[in-house]
C-alpha atoms as a PDB file:
ATOM      1  CA  MET A   1       5.141   8.335 -12.910  1.00  0.00           C
ATOM      2  CA  SER A   2       2.910   6.192 -11.207  1.00  0.00           C
ATOM      3  CA  THR A   3       1.155   7.766  -7.785  1.00  0.00           C
ATOM      4  CA  PHE A   4      -1.342   6.837  -5.203  1.00  0.00           C
ATOM      5  CA  LYS A   5      -4.601   8.325  -6.275  1.00  0.00           C
ATOM      6  CA  ILE A   6      -7.354   8.980  -3.099  1.00  0.00           C
ATOM      7  CA  GLY A   7     -10.202   6.783  -3.197  1.00  0.00           C
ATOM      8  CA  GLN A   8      -7.944   3.913  -4.856  1.00  0.00           C
ATOM      9  CA  THR A   9      -7.488   0.285  -3.333  1.00  0.00           C
ATOM     10  CA  TYR A  10      -4.267  -0.804  -3.595  1.00  0.00           C
ATOM     11  CA  ALA A  11      -3.039  -4.600  -2.453  1.00  0.00           C
ATOM     12  CA  SER A  12      -0.127  -6.718  -1.945  1.00  0.00           C
ATOM     13  CA  ARG A  13       0.642 -10.265  -1.025  1.00  0.00           C
ATOM     14  CA  LEU A  14       3.537 -11.096   1.694  1.00  0.00           C
ATOM     15  CA  HIS A  15       6.306 -12.679   0.639  1.00  0.00           C
ATOM     16  CA  THR A  16       6.409 -15.687   2.388  1.00  0.00           C
ATOM     17  CA  ASP A  17       2.825 -16.429   2.371  1.00  0.00           C
ATOM     18  CA  HIS A  18       1.222 -15.646  -1.081  1.00  0.00           C
ATOM     19  CA  ASP A  19      -2.356 -16.639   0.385  1.00  0.00           C
ATOM     20  CA  CYS A  20      -1.981 -13.727   2.657  1.00  0.00           C
ATOM     21  CA  PHE A  21      -3.148 -10.224   1.361  1.00  0.00           C
ATOM     22  CA  PHE A  22      -2.754  -6.951   2.617  1.00  0.00           C
ATOM     23  CA  LYS A  23      -5.328  -3.986   1.102  1.00  0.00           C
ATOM     24  CA  ILE A  24      -5.091  -0.251   1.521  1.00  0.00           C
ATOM     25  CA  VAL A  25      -7.408   2.281   0.618  1.00  0.00           C
ATOM     26  CA  VAL A  26      -5.740   5.642   0.264  1.00  0.00           C
ATOM     27  CA  LEU A  27      -7.895   8.627   2.531  1.00  0.00           C
ATOM     28  CA  SER A  28      -5.400  11.419   1.217  1.00  0.00           C
ATOM     29  CA  ARG A  29      -2.042  12.516   0.308  1.00  0.00           C
ATOM     30  CA  THR A  30       0.836  14.914   0.599  1.00  0.00           C
ATOM     31  CA  ALA A  31       3.765  15.052  -1.585  1.00  0.00           C
ATOM     32  CA  THR A  32       5.766  12.929   1.024  1.00  0.00           C
ATOM     33  CA  SER A  33       3.520  10.712   2.517  1.00  0.00           C
ATOM     34  CA  VAL A  34      -0.449   9.023   2.362  1.00  0.00           C
ATOM     35  CA  ARG A  35      -3.226   8.458   4.899  1.00  0.00           C
ATOM     36  CA  VAL A  36      -4.583   4.875   4.467  1.00  0.00           C
ATOM     37  CA  ARG A  37      -7.111   2.679   5.960  1.00  0.00           C
ATOM     38  CA  GLY A  38      -5.744  -0.940   6.741  1.00  0.00           C
ATOM     39  CA  PRO A  39      -3.849  -2.881   6.066  1.00  0.00           C
ATOM     40  CA  LEU A  40      -4.923  -4.379   9.554  1.00  0.00           C
ATOM     41  CA  GLY A  41      -8.742  -3.945  10.120  1.00  0.00           C
ATOM     42  CA  ASP A  42      -9.787   0.124   9.737  1.00  0.00           C
ATOM     43  CA  LYS A  43      -7.166   1.314  11.574  1.00  0.00           C
ATOM     44  CA  ILE A  44      -6.138   4.395   9.877  1.00  0.00           C
ATOM     45  CA  GLU A  45      -2.238   5.651   9.593  1.00  0.00           C
ATOM     46  CA  THR A  46       0.215   7.663   7.954  1.00  0.00           C
ATOM     47  CA  LEU A  47       2.253   6.155   5.772  1.00  0.00           C
ATOM     48  CA  PRO A  48       5.668   7.704   4.326  1.00  0.00           C
ATOM     49  CA  ILE A  49       6.167   7.503   0.127  1.00  0.00           C
ATOM     50  CA  ARG A  50       9.372   6.062  -1.258  1.00  0.00           C
ATOM     51  CA  VAL A  51       9.985   6.406  -4.879  1.00  0.00           C
ATOM     52  CA  CYS A  52      11.730   3.971  -6.895  1.00  0.00           C
ATOM     53  CA  ASP A  53      11.794   4.118 -10.905  1.00  0.00           C
ATOM     54  CA  GLY A  54       9.186   6.699 -11.015  1.00  0.00           C
ATOM     55  CA  ILE A  55       6.507   4.307  -9.226  1.00  0.00           C
ATOM     56  CA  GLU A  56       5.401   5.548  -5.269  1.00  0.00           C
ATOM     57  CA  HIS A  57       5.528   2.547  -2.894  1.00  0.00           C
ATOM     58  CA  VAL A  58       4.665   2.242   0.657  1.00  0.00           C
ATOM     59  CA  ARG A  59       5.478  -0.465   3.640  1.00  0.00           C
ATOM     60  CA  PRO A  60       2.541  -0.682   5.752  1.00  0.00           C
ATOM     61  CA  LEU A  61       4.203  -2.993   8.170  1.00  0.00           C
ATOM     62  CA  ALA A  62       7.795  -1.374   7.612  1.00  0.00           C
ATOM     63  CA  GLY A  63       8.682  -3.136  11.045  1.00  0.00           C
ATOM     64  CA  PHE A  64      10.685  -6.130   9.311  1.00  0.00           C
ATOM     65  CA  ALA A  65      12.944  -6.969   6.138  1.00  0.00           C
ATOM     66  CA  LEU A  66       9.882  -9.138   4.661  1.00  0.00           C
ATOM     67  CA  SER A  67       7.104  -6.633   5.372  1.00  0.00           C
ATOM     68  CA  PRO A  68       4.766  -6.122   2.038  1.00  0.00           C
ATOM     69  CA  VAL A  69       5.403  -3.314  -0.316  1.00  0.00           C
ATOM     70  CA  ILE A  70       2.553  -1.604  -2.186  1.00  0.00           C
ATOM     71  CA  SER A  71       3.124  -0.105  -5.094  1.00  0.00           C
ATOM     72  CA  ALA A  72       0.791   2.640  -6.863  1.00  0.00           C
ATOM     73  CA  ALA A  73       1.515   0.858 -10.269  1.00  0.00           C
ATOM     74  CA  GLY A  74      -0.760  -2.011  -8.760  1.00  0.00           C
ATOM     75  CA  ALA A  75      -3.927  -0.957  -8.040  1.00  0.00           C
ATOM     76  CA  SER A  76      -5.776  -4.233  -7.460  1.00  0.00           C
ATOM     77  CA  LEU A  77      -8.747  -4.672  -8.936  1.00  0.00           C
ATOM     78  CA  CYS A  78      -9.316  -8.470  -8.464  1.00  0.00           C
ATOM     79  CA  LEU A  79      -8.928  -9.430  -4.705  1.00  0.00           C
ATOM     80  CA  PRO A  80      -9.839 -12.764  -3.732  1.00  0.00           C
ATOM     81  CA  ILE A  81     -13.215 -13.402  -2.626  1.00  0.00           C
END
């Protein structure tokens, strides 16, 4: 199972604009949620974790249908400069 790890940076792109990146840093976690910094500035928030096919996912902007989904399987090591 792919899980979010404390201190790791994860990122995703917006579905409608692949030039728009969203990045989070995991500060702490429980079995059902992660506390992250980002994706909009340095705001700290708690996000619920969803599991699909053994991979944890969060939706940092979960207010609309095309909000980005950030997966624990895709720890971002190469963000654009």
